[in-house]
Amino acid sequence: MEYKFEMQEGRLKVSVPRELDHHLATQLKEEADLLIDAHHVKKLVFDFANTEFMDSSGIGVLIGRSRNLKFAGGQVVAINLSPRVEQIFRLSGLHQIIPIEDEE
């Protein structure tokens, strides 16, 4: 599965692929930034329902988008974390930067 974007009233939802590695992280980052700028996104939601693996490049994408949106008055959240992805969030400290929410 590749990633997928859904726009809805200033909110961008990103369905993260099964594996978010360096190759996909670069693409996802570039496309997300274009959509965020073009649609003035104030809330970015990363949906990890289908994600089993994320490397440091994926973590970097999340941190970078969070930093950029916070600077613009927006926020980034994560939903549907599997136990493995939740462990990555906790070990990397991402849970302190990006809130984990229940599915909306």
PDB file of N, CA and C in Angstrom:
ATOM      1  N   MET A   1       0.839  -1.188   0.000  1.00  0.00           N
ATOM      2  CA  MET A   1       0.000   0.000   0.000  1.00  0.00           C
ATOM      3  C   MET A   1       0.880   1.246   0.000  1.00  0.00           C
ATOM      4  N   GLU A   2       0.569   2.147  -0.862  1.00  0.00           N
ATOM      5  CA  GLU A   2       1.225   3.447  -0.854  1.00  0.00           C
ATOM      6  C   GLU A   2       0.443   4.354   0.102  1.00  0.00           C
ATOM      7  N   TYR A   3       0.984   5.503   0.372  1.00  0.00           N
ATOM      8  CA  TYR A   3       0.282   6.454   1.227  1.00  0.00           C
ATOM      9  C   TYR A   3      -0.860   7.110   0.450  1.00  0.00           C
ATOM     10  N   LYS A   4      -1.795   7.703   1.196  1.00  0.00           N
ATOM     11  CA  LYS A   4      -2.952   8.344   0.592  1.00  0.00           C
ATOM     12  C   LYS A   4      -3.262   9.608   1.393  1.00  0.00           C
ATOM     13  N   PHE A   5      -3.684  10.657   0.689  1.00  0.00           N
ATOM     14  CA  PHE A   5      -4.044  11.914   1.329  1.00  0.00           C
ATOM     15  C   PHE A   5      -5.545  12.153   1.199  1.00  0.00           C
ATOM     16  N   GLU A   6      -6.142  12.708   2.255  1.00  0.00           N
ATOM     17  CA  GLU A   6      -7.550  13.111   2.214  1.00  0.00           C
ATOM     18  C   GLU A   6      -7.652  14.512   2.818  1.00  0.00           C
ATOM     19  N   MET A   7      -8.204  15.447   2.038  1.00  0.00           N
ATOM     20  CA  MET A   7      -8.405  16.827   2.510  1.00  0.00           C
ATOM     21  C   MET A   7      -9.845  17.003   2.954  1.00  0.00           C
ATOM     22  N   GLN A   8     -10.036  17.699   4.079  1.00  0.00           N
ATOM     23  CA  GLN A   8     -11.381  17.987   4.549  1.00  0.00           C
ATOM     24  C   GLN A   8     -11.342  19.227   5.441  1.00  0.00           C
ATOM     25  N   GLU A   9     -11.822  20.338   4.937  1.00  0.00           N
ATOM     26  CA  GLU A   9     -11.979  21.580   5.700  1.00  0.00           C
ATOM     27  C   GLU A   9     -10.745  21.953   6.537  1.00  0.00           C
ATOM     28  N   GLY A  10      -9.630  22.182   5.889  1.00  0.00           N
ATOM     29  CA  GLY A  10      -8.428  22.612   6.584  1.00  0.00           C
ATOM     30  C   GLY A  10      -7.700  21.500   7.319  1.00  0.00           C
ATOM     31  N   ARG A  11      -8.124  20.269   7.100  1.00  0.00           N
ATOM     32  CA  ARG A  11      -7.535  19.106   7.766  1.00  0.00           C
ATOM     33  C   ARG A  11      -7.022  18.150   6.696  1.00  0.00           C
ATOM     34  N   LEU A  12      -5.795  17.708   6.846  1.00  0.00           N
ATOM     35  CA  LEU A  12      -5.197  16.765   5.909  1.00  0.00           C
ATOM     36  C   LEU A  12      -4.913  15.470   6.648  1.00  0.00           C
ATOM     37  N   LYS A  13      -5.482  14.379   6.143  1.00  0.00           N
ATOM     38  CA  LYS A  13      -5.244  13.064   6.725  1.00  0.00           C
ATOM     39  C   LYS A  13      -4.328  12.279   5.795  1.00  0.00           C
ATOM     40  N   VAL A  14      -3.246  11.739   6.353  1.00  0.00           N
ATOM     41  CA  VAL A  14      -2.286  10.946   5.600  1.00  0.00           C
ATOM     42  C   VAL A  14      -2.387   9.507   6.078  1.00  0.00           C
ATOM     43  N   SER A  15      -2.797   8.616   5.185  1.00  0.00           N
ATOM     44  CA  SER A  15      -2.782   7.184   5.496  1.00  0.00           C
ATOM     45  C   SER A  15      -1.370   6.689   5.197  1.00  0.00           C
ATOM     46  N   VAL A  16      -0.652   6.367   6.254  1.00  0.00           N
ATOM     47  CA  VAL A  16       0.758   5.990   6.150  1.00  0.00           C
ATOM     48  C   VAL A  16       0.858   4.561   5.612  1.00  0.00           C
ATOM     49  N   PRO A  17       1.816   4.294   4.710  1.00  0.00           N
ATOM     50  CA  PRO A  17       1.945   2.949   4.139  1.00  0.00           C
ATOM     51  C   PRO A  17       2.428   1.923   5.163  1.00  0.00           C
ATOM     52  N   ARG A  18       2.439   0.672   4.748  1.00  0.00           N
ATOM     53  CA  ARG A  18       2.857  -0.430   5.632  1.00  0.00           C
ATOM     54  C   ARG A  18       4.271  -0.211   6.150  1.00  0.00           C
ATOM     55  N   GLU A  19       5.169   0.234   5.274  1.00  0.00           N
ATOM     56  CA  GLU A  19       6.544   0.530   5.675  1.00  0.00           C
ATOM     57  C   GLU A  19       6.896   1.952   5.255  1.00  0.00           C
ATOM     58  N   LEU A  20       7.243   2.770   6.221  1.00  0.00           N
ATOM     59  CA  LEU A  20       7.655   4.151   5.928  1.00  0.00           C
ATOM     60  C   LEU A  20       9.171   4.218   6.069  1.00  0.00           C
ATOM     61  N   ASP A  21       9.850   4.018   4.931  1.00  0.00           N
ATOM     62  CA  ASP A  21      11.308   4.036   4.922  1.00  0.00           C
ATOM     63  C   ASP A  21      11.798   5.270   4.174  1.00  0.00           C
ATOM     64  N   HIS A  22      13.110   5.343   3.964  1.00  0.00           N
ATOM     65  CA  HIS A  22      13.716   6.531   3.357  1.00  0.00           C
ATOM     66  C   HIS A  22      13.079   6.902   2.016  1.00  0.00           C
ATOM     67  N   HIS A  23      12.906   5.929   1.143  1.00  0.00           N
ATOM     68  CA  HIS A  23      12.360   6.195  -0.194  1.00  0.00           C
ATOM     69  C   HIS A  23      10.966   6.824  -0.122  1.00  0.00           C
ATOM     70  N   LEU A  24      10.063   6.202   0.608  1.00  0.00           N
ATOM     71  CA  LEU A  24       8.701   6.736   0.703  1.00  0.00           C
ATOM     72  C   LEU A  24       8.636   7.997   1.556  1.00  0.00           C
ATOM     73  N   ALA A  25       9.493   8.092   2.557  1.00  0.00           N
ATOM     74  CA  ALA A  25       9.479   9.273   3.435  1.00  0.00           C
ATOM     75  C   ALA A  25       9.752  10.546   2.645  1.00  0.00           C
ATOM     76  N   THR A  26      10.690  10.482   1.729  1.00  0.00           N
ATOM     77  CA  THR A  26      11.026  11.656   0.927  1.00  0.00           C
ATOM     78  C   THR A  26       9.840  12.076   0.067  1.00  0.00           C
ATOM     79  N   GLN A  27       9.212  11.131  -0.595  1.00  0.00           N
ATOM     80  CA  GLN A  27       8.040  11.432  -1.425  1.00  0.00           C
ATOM     81  C   GLN A  27       6.898  11.987  -0.590  1.00  0.00           C
ATOM     82  N   LEU A  28       6.600  11.303   0.510  1.00  0.00           N
ATOM     83  CA  LEU A  28       5.485  11.706   1.364  1.00  0.00           C
ATOM     84  C   LEU A  28       5.699  13.122   1.884  1.00  0.00           C
ATOM     85  N   LYS A  29       6.920  13.425   2.312  1.00  0.00           N
ATOM     86  CA  LYS A  29       7.242  14.757   2.837  1.00  0.00           C
ATOM     87  C   LYS A  29       6.990  15.830   1.789  1.00  0.00           C
ATOM     88  N   GLU A  30       7.477  15.604   0.579  1.00  0.00           N
ATOM     89  CA  GLU A  30       7.330  16.606  -0.479  1.00  0.00           C
ATOM     90  C   GLU A  30       5.872  16.835  -0.850  1.00  0.00           C
ATOM     91  N   GLU A  31       5.117  15.746  -1.010  1.00  0.00           N
ATOM     92  CA  GLU A  31       3.703  15.886  -1.372  1.00  0.00           C
ATOM     93  C   GLU A  31       2.895  16.502  -0.243  1.00  0.00           C
ATOM     94  N   ALA A  32       3.172  16.101   0.986  1.00  0.00           N
ATOM     95  CA  ALA A  32       2.453  16.669   2.130  1.00  0.00           C
ATOM     96  C   ALA A  32       2.713  18.167   2.236  1.00  0.00           C
ATOM     97  N   ASP A  33       3.966  18.579   2.069  1.00  0.00           N
ATOM     98  CA  ASP A  33       4.291  20.008   2.160  1.00  0.00           C
ATOM     99  C   ASP A  33       3.562  20.818   1.095  1.00  0.00           C
ATOM    100  N   LEU A  34       3.482  20.284  -0.108  1.00  0.00           N
ATOM    101  CA  LEU A  34       2.748  20.974  -1.177  1.00  0.00           C
ATOM    102  C   LEU A  34       1.279  21.140  -0.815  1.00  0.00           C
ATOM    103  N   LEU A  35       0.654  20.074  -0.314  1.00  0.00           N
ATOM    104  CA  LEU A  35      -0.760  20.141   0.064  1.00  0.00           C
ATOM    105  C   LEU A  35      -0.986  21.070   1.252  1.00  0.00           C
ATOM    106  N   ILE A  36      -0.098  21.016   2.221  1.00  0.00           N
ATOM    107  CA  ILE A  36      -0.218  21.875   3.403  1.00  0.00           C
ATOM    108  C   ILE A  36      -0.182  23.343   2.992  1.00  0.00           C
ATOM    109  N   ASP A  37       0.748  23.689   2.131  1.00  0.00           N
ATOM    110  CA  ASP A  37       0.862  25.067   1.666  1.00  0.00           C
ATOM    111  C   ASP A  37      -0.312  25.478   0.788  1.00  0.00           C
ATOM    112  N   ALA A  38      -0.687  24.614  -0.143  1.00  0.00           N
ATOM    113  CA  ALA A  38      -1.748  24.952  -1.098  1.00  0.00           C
ATOM    114  C   ALA A  38      -3.117  25.092  -0.438  1.00  0.00           C
ATOM    115  N   HIS A  39      -3.368  24.297   0.601  1.00  0.00           N
ATOM    116  CA  HIS A  39      -4.704  24.279   1.221  1.00  0.00           C
ATOM    117  C   HIS A  39      -4.723  24.898   2.616  1.00  0.00           C
ATOM    118  N   HIS A  40      -3.625  25.515   3.024  1.00  0.00           N
ATOM    119  CA  HIS A  40      -3.545  26.171   4.330  1.00  0.00           C
ATOM    120  C   HIS A  40      -4.016  25.246   5.447  1.00  0.00           C
ATOM    121  N   VAL A  41      -3.439  24.069   5.485  1.00  0.00           N
ATOM    122  CA  VAL A  41      -3.811  23.036   6.454  1.00  0.00           C
ATOM    123  C   VAL A  41      -3.452  23.488   7.866  1.00  0.00           C
ATOM    124  N   LYS A  42      -4.391  23.318   8.786  1.00  0.00           N
ATOM    125  CA  LYS A  42      -4.168  23.656  10.193  1.00  0.00           C
ATOM    126  C   LYS A  42      -4.069  22.412  11.066  1.00  0.00           C
ATOM    127  N   LYS A  43      -4.548  21.273  10.547  1.00  0.00           N
ATOM    128  CA  LYS A  43      -4.432  20.024  11.299  1.00  0.00           C
ATOM    129  C   LYS A  43      -4.004  18.926  10.341  1.00  0.00           C
ATOM    130  N   LEU A  44      -2.907  18.269  10.693  1.00  0.00           N
ATOM    131  CA  LEU A  44      -2.369  17.168   9.906  1.00  0.00           C
ATOM    132  C   LEU A  44      -2.493  15.899  10.744  1.00  0.00           C
ATOM    133  N   VAL A  45      -3.184  14.908  10.193  1.00  0.00           N
ATOM    134  CA  VAL A  45      -3.434  13.653  10.899  1.00  0.00           C
ATOM    135  C   VAL A  45      -2.695  12.531  10.177  1.00  0.00           C
ATOM    136  N   PHE A  46      -1.793  11.872  10.877  1.00  0.00           N
ATOM    137  CA  PHE A  46      -1.112  10.694  10.339  1.00  0.00           C
ATOM    138  C   PHE A  46      -1.844   9.461  10.847  1.00  0.00           C
ATOM    139  N   ASP A  47      -2.408   8.682   9.918  1.00  0.00           N
ATOM    140  CA  ASP A  47      -3.158   7.472  10.258  1.00  0.00           C
ATOM    141  C   ASP A  47      -2.247   6.264  10.033  1.00  0.00           C
ATOM    142  N   PHE A  48      -1.904   5.571  11.120  1.00  0.00           N
ATOM    143  CA  PHE A  48      -0.986   4.445  11.074  1.00  0.00           C
ATOM    144  C   PHE A  48      -1.702   3.093  11.095  1.00  0.00           C
ATOM    145  N   ALA A  49      -2.953   3.042  10.672  1.00  0.00           N
ATOM    146  CA  ALA A  49      -3.738   1.808  10.736  1.00  0.00           C
ATOM    147  C   ALA A  49      -3.074   0.644  10.000  1.00  0.00           C
ATOM    148  N   ASN A  50      -2.379   0.907   8.917  1.00  0.00           N
ATOM    149  CA  ASN A  50      -1.773  -0.158   8.111  1.00  0.00           C
ATOM    150  C   ASN A  50      -0.256  -0.218   8.236  1.00  0.00           C
ATOM    151  N   THR A  51       0.318   0.547   9.150  1.00  0.00           N
ATOM    152  CA  THR A  51       1.772   0.670   9.234  1.00  0.00           C
ATOM    153  C   THR A  51       2.359  -0.344  10.211  1.00  0.00           C
ATOM    154  N   GLU A  52       3.403  -1.033   9.745  1.00  0.00           N
ATOM    155  CA  GLU A  52       4.093  -2.018  10.573  1.00  0.00           C
ATOM    156  C   GLU A  52       5.524  -1.601  10.891  1.00  0.00           C
ATOM    157  N   PHE A  53       6.097  -0.713  10.064  1.00  0.00           N
ATOM    158  CA  PHE A  53       7.490  -0.333  10.243  1.00  0.00           C
ATOM    159  C   PHE A  53       7.702   1.122   9.859  1.00  0.00           C
ATOM    160  N   MET A  54       8.554   1.786  10.621  1.00  0.00           N
ATOM    161  CA  MET A  54       8.934   3.160  10.296  1.00  0.00           C
ATOM    162  C   MET A  54      10.384   3.337  10.736  1.00  0.00           C
ATOM    163  N   ASP A  55      11.227   3.822   9.817  1.00  0.00           N
ATOM    164  CA  ASP A  55      12.633   4.045  10.179  1.00  0.00           C
ATOM    165  C   ASP A  55      12.842   5.501  10.578  1.00  0.00           C
ATOM    166  N   SER A  56      14.089   5.877  10.775  1.00  0.00           N
ATOM    167  CA  SER A  56      14.396   7.238  11.234  1.00  0.00           C
ATOM    168  C   SER A  56      13.971   8.296  10.219  1.00  0.00           C
ATOM    169  N   SER A  57      13.934   7.950   8.940  1.00  0.00           N
ATOM    170  CA  SER A  57      13.466   8.903   7.924  1.00  0.00           C
ATOM    171  C   SER A  57      11.994   9.227   8.135  1.00  0.00           C
ATOM    172  N   GLY A  58      11.217   8.212   8.466  1.00  0.00           N
ATOM    173  CA  GLY A  58       9.797   8.429   8.758  1.00  0.00           C
ATOM    174  C   GLY A  58       9.599   9.286   9.990  1.00  0.00           C
ATOM    175  N   ILE A  59      10.399   9.028  11.008  1.00  0.00           N
ATOM    176  CA  ILE A  59      10.345   9.840  12.229  1.00  0.00           C
ATOM    177  C   ILE A  59      10.680  11.295  11.892  1.00  0.00           C
ATOM    178  N   GLY A  60      11.670  11.487  11.032  1.00  0.00           N
ATOM    179  CA  GLY A  60      12.048  12.836  10.614  1.00  0.00           C
ATOM    180  C   GLY A  60      10.932  13.564   9.888  1.00  0.00           C
ATOM    181  N   VAL A  61      10.180  12.838   9.057  1.00  0.00           N
ATOM    182  CA  VAL A  61       9.037  13.438   8.355  1.00  0.00           C
ATOM    183  C   VAL A  61       8.020  13.952   9.370  1.00  0.00           C
ATOM    184  N   LEU A  62       7.723  13.146  10.372  1.00  0.00           N
ATOM    185  CA  LEU A  62       6.736  13.538  11.387  1.00  0.00           C
ATOM    186  C   LEU A  62       7.207  14.753  12.176  1.00  0.00           C
ATOM    187  N   ILE A  63       8.457  14.729  12.603  1.00  0.00           N
ATOM    188  CA  ILE A  63       8.989  15.849  13.388  1.00  0.00           C
ATOM    189  C   ILE A  63       9.018  17.127  12.553  1.00  0.00           C
ATOM    190  N   GLY A  64       9.453  17.015  11.300  1.00  0.00           N
ATOM    191  CA  GLY A  64       9.506  18.193  10.434  1.00  0.00           C
ATOM    192  C   GLY A  64       8.150  18.797  10.171  1.00  0.00           C
ATOM    193  N   ARG A  65       7.153  17.958   9.897  1.00  0.00           N
ATOM    194  CA  ARG A  65       5.805  18.477   9.645  1.00  0.00           C
ATOM    195  C   ARG A  65       5.235  19.095  10.920  1.00  0.00           C
ATOM    196  N   SER A  66       5.522  18.487  12.055  1.00  0.00           N
ATOM    197  CA  SER A  66       5.041  19.027  13.324  1.00  0.00           C
ATOM    198  C   SER A  66       5.630  20.404  13.582  1.00  0.00           C
ATOM    199  N   ARG A  67       6.919  20.531  13.371  1.00  0.00           N
ATOM    200  CA  ARG A  67       7.594  21.813  13.584  1.00  0.00           C
ATOM    201  C   ARG A  67       7.014  22.888  12.662  1.00  0.00           C
ATOM    202  N   ASN A  68       6.865  22.550  11.387  1.00  0.00           N
ATOM    203  CA  ASN A  68       6.343  23.515  10.416  1.00  0.00           C
ATOM    204  C   ASN A  68       4.916  23.943  10.744  1.00  0.00           C
ATOM    205  N   LEU A  69       4.061  22.992  11.091  1.00  0.00           N
ATOM    206  CA  LEU A  69       2.670  23.340  11.388  1.00  0.00           C
ATOM    207  C   LEU A  69       2.547  24.121  12.690  1.00  0.00           C
ATOM    208  N   LYS A  70       3.318  23.766  13.697  1.00  0.00           N
ATOM    209  CA  LYS A  70       3.272  24.518  14.951  1.00  0.00           C
ATOM    210  C   LYS A  70       3.681  25.968  14.713  1.00  0.00           C
ATOM    211  N   PHE A  71       4.682  26.176  13.874  1.00  0.00           N
ATOM    212  CA  PHE A  71       5.132  27.524  13.538  1.00  0.00           C
ATOM    213  C   PHE A  71       4.008  28.314  12.870  1.00  0.00           C
ATOM    214  N   ALA A  72       3.149  27.631  12.092  1.00  0.00           N
ATOM    215  CA  ALA A  72       2.041  28.274  11.382  1.00  0.00           C
ATOM    216  C   ALA A  72       0.742  28.252  12.182  1.00  0.00           C
ATOM    217  N   GLY A  73       0.790  27.818  13.449  1.00  0.00           N
ATOM    218  CA  GLY A  73      -0.404  27.811  14.288  1.00  0.00           C
ATOM    219  C   GLY A  73      -1.259  26.569  14.133  1.00  0.00           C
ATOM    220  N   GLY A  74      -0.724  25.513  13.550  1.00  0.00           N
ATOM    221  CA  GLY A  74      -1.475  24.272  13.378  1.00  0.00           C
ATOM    222  C   GLY A  74      -0.951  23.178  14.284  1.00  0.00           C
ATOM    223  N   GLN A  75      -1.419  21.961  14.036  1.00  0.00           N
ATOM    224  CA  GLN A  75      -0.987  20.841  14.848  1.00  0.00           C
ATOM    225  C   GLN A  75      -0.935  19.550  14.039  1.00  0.00           C
ATOM    226  N   VAL A  76      -0.134  18.618  14.521  1.00  0.00           N
ATOM    227  CA  VAL A  76      -0.008  17.288  13.939  1.00  0.00           C
ATOM    228  C   VAL A  76      -0.411  16.288  15.010  1.00  0.00           C
ATOM    229  N   VAL A  77      -1.214  15.296  14.631  1.00  0.00           N
ATOM    230  CA  VAL A  77      -1.598  14.226  15.544  1.00  0.00           C
ATOM    231  C   VAL A  77      -1.435  12.884  14.840  1.00  0.00           C
ATOM    232  N   ALA A  78      -1.384  11.818  15.629  1.00  0.00           N
ATOM    233  CA  ALA A  78      -1.290  10.467  15.097  1.00  0.00           C
ATOM    234  C   ALA A  78      -2.472   9.653  15.601  1.00  0.00           C
ATOM    235  N   ILE A  79      -2.998   8.779  14.736  1.00  0.00           N
ATOM    236  CA  ILE A  79      -4.105   7.905  15.119  1.00  0.00           C
ATOM    237  C   ILE A  79      -3.815   6.479  14.672  1.00  0.00           C
ATOM    238  N   ASN A  80      -4.533   5.548  15.271  1.00  0.00           N
ATOM    239  CA  ASN A  80      -4.512   4.127  14.891  1.00  0.00           C
ATOM    240  C   ASN A  80      -3.121   3.508  14.929  1.00  0.00           C
ATOM    241  N   LEU A  81      -2.388   3.732  16.002  1.00  0.00           N
ATOM    242  CA  LEU A  81      -1.048   3.165  16.125  1.00  0.00           C
ATOM    243  C   LEU A  81      -1.127   1.688  16.521  1.00  0.00           C
ATOM    244  N   SER A  82      -0.422   0.856  15.780  1.00  0.00           N
ATOM    245  CA  SER A  82      -0.280  -0.551  16.159  1.00  0.00           C
ATOM    246  C   SER A  82       0.656  -0.592  17.367  1.00  0.00           C
ATOM    247  N   PRO A  83       0.688  -1.711  18.093  1.00  0.00           N
ATOM    248  CA  PRO A  83       1.619  -1.788  19.228  1.00  0.00           C
ATOM    249  C   PRO A  83       3.064  -1.528  18.808  1.00  0.00           C
ATOM    250  N   ARG A  84       3.449  -1.991  17.632  1.00  0.00           N
ATOM    251  CA  ARG A  84       4.836  -1.800  17.171  1.00  0.00           C
ATOM    252  C   ARG A  84       5.126  -0.324  16.884  1.00  0.00           C
ATOM    253  N   VAL A  85       4.199   0.360  16.205  1.00  0.00           N
ATOM    254  CA  VAL A  85       4.398   1.780  15.902  1.00  0.00           C
ATOM    255  C   VAL A  85       4.332   2.600  17.185  1.00  0.00           C
ATOM    256  N   GLU A  86       3.458   2.206  18.102  1.00  0.00           N
ATOM    257  CA  GLU A  86       3.387   2.914  19.379  1.00  0.00           C
ATOM    258  C   GLU A  86       4.717   2.784  20.131  1.00  0.00           C
ATOM    259  N   GLN A  87       5.339   1.619  20.040  1.00  0.00           N
ATOM    260  CA  GLN A  87       6.641   1.421  20.667  1.00  0.00           C
ATOM    261  C   GLN A  87       7.696   2.337  20.031  1.00  0.00           C
ATOM    262  N   ILE A  88       7.650   2.473  18.711  1.00  0.00           N
ATOM    263  CA  ILE A  88       8.574   3.384  18.019  1.00  0.00           C
ATOM    264  C   ILE A  88       8.350   4.820  18.519  1.00  0.00           C
ATOM    265  N   PHE A  89       7.085   5.215  18.668  1.00  0.00           N
ATOM    266  CA  PHE A  89       6.762   6.548  19.170  1.00  0.00           C
ATOM    267  C   PHE A  89       7.344   6.756  20.561  1.00  0.00           C
ATOM    268  N   ARG A  90       7.183   5.786  21.421  1.00  0.00           N
ATOM    269  CA  ARG A  90       7.652   5.933  22.804  1.00  0.00           C
ATOM    270  C   ARG A  90       9.178   5.918  22.897  1.00  0.00           C
ATOM    271  N   LEU A  91       9.818   4.987  22.190  1.00  0.00           N
ATOM    272  CA  LEU A  91      11.278   4.887  22.259  1.00  0.00           C
ATOM    273  C   LEU A  91      11.973   6.099  21.652  1.00  0.00           C
ATOM    274  N   SER A  92      11.373   6.662  20.613  1.00  0.00           N
ATOM    275  CA  SER A  92      11.983   7.818  19.946  1.00  0.00           C
ATOM    276  C   SER A  92      11.616   9.153  20.603  1.00  0.00           C
ATOM    277  N   GLY A  93      10.632   9.134  21.482  1.00  0.00           N
ATOM    278  CA  GLY A  93      10.168  10.369  22.110  1.00  0.00           C
ATOM    279  C   GLY A  93       9.133  11.118  21.282  1.00  0.00           C
ATOM    280  N   LEU A  94       8.702  10.537  20.170  1.00  0.00           N
ATOM    281  CA  LEU A  94       7.702  11.193  19.317  1.00  0.00           C
ATOM    282  C   LEU A  94       6.404  11.489  20.069  1.00  0.00           C
ATOM    283  N   HIS A  95       6.048  10.620  21.014  1.00  0.00           N
ATOM    284  CA  HIS A  95       4.801  10.814  21.754  1.00  0.00           C
ATOM    285  C   HIS A  95       4.808  12.108  22.566  1.00  0.00           C
ATOM    286  N   GLN A  96       5.993  12.668  22.807  1.00  0.00           N
ATOM    287  CA  GLN A  96       6.085  13.943  23.521  1.00  0.00           C
ATOM    288  C   GLN A  96       5.931  15.137  22.581  1.00  0.00           C
ATOM    289  N   ILE A  97       6.071  14.883  21.286  1.00  0.00           N
ATOM    290  CA  ILE A  97       5.998  15.947  20.291  1.00  0.00           C
ATOM    291  C   ILE A  97       4.662  15.898  19.539  1.00  0.00           C
ATOM    292  N   ILE A  98       4.214  14.688  19.236  1.00  0.00           N
ATOM    293  CA  ILE A  98       2.996  14.489  18.438  1.00  0.00           C
ATOM    294  C   ILE A  98       1.978  13.716  19.273  1.00  0.00           C
ATOM    295  N   PRO A  99       0.854  14.347  19.601  1.00  0.00           N
ATOM    296  CA  PRO A  99      -0.159  13.666  20.393  1.00  0.00           C
ATOM    297  C   PRO A  99      -0.747  12.461  19.656  1.00  0.00           C
ATOM    298  N   ILE A 100      -1.038  11.413  20.430  1.00  0.00           N
ATOM    299  CA  ILE A 100      -1.706  10.238  19.901  1.00  0.00           C
ATOM    300  C   ILE A 100      -3.171  10.357  20.292  1.00  0.00           C
ATOM    301  N   GLU A 101      -4.045  10.355  19.274  1.00  0.00           N
ATOM    302  CA  GLU A 101      -5.478  10.516  19.518  1.00  0.00           C
ATOM    303  C   GLU A 101      -6.217   9.265  19.100  1.00  0.00           C
ATOM    304  N   ASP A 102      -7.437   9.133  19.631  1.00  0.00           N
ATOM    305  CA  ASP A 102      -8.336   8.086  19.151  1.00  0.00           C
ATOM    306  C   ASP A 102      -8.784   8.473  17.765  1.00  0.00           C
ATOM    307  N   GLU A 103      -9.202   7.490  16.975  1.00  0.00           N
ATOM    308  CA  GLU A 103      -9.681   7.799  15.624  1.00  0.00           C
ATOM    309  C   GLU A 103     -10.834   8.791  15.704  1.00  0.00           C
ATOM    310  N   GLU A 104     -10.812   9.722  14.772  1.00  0.00           N
ATOM    311  CA  GLU A 104     -11.810  10.808  14.785  1.00  0.00           C
ATOM    312  C   GLU A 104     -13.117  10.349  14.199  1.00  0.00           C
TER     313      GLU A 104
END
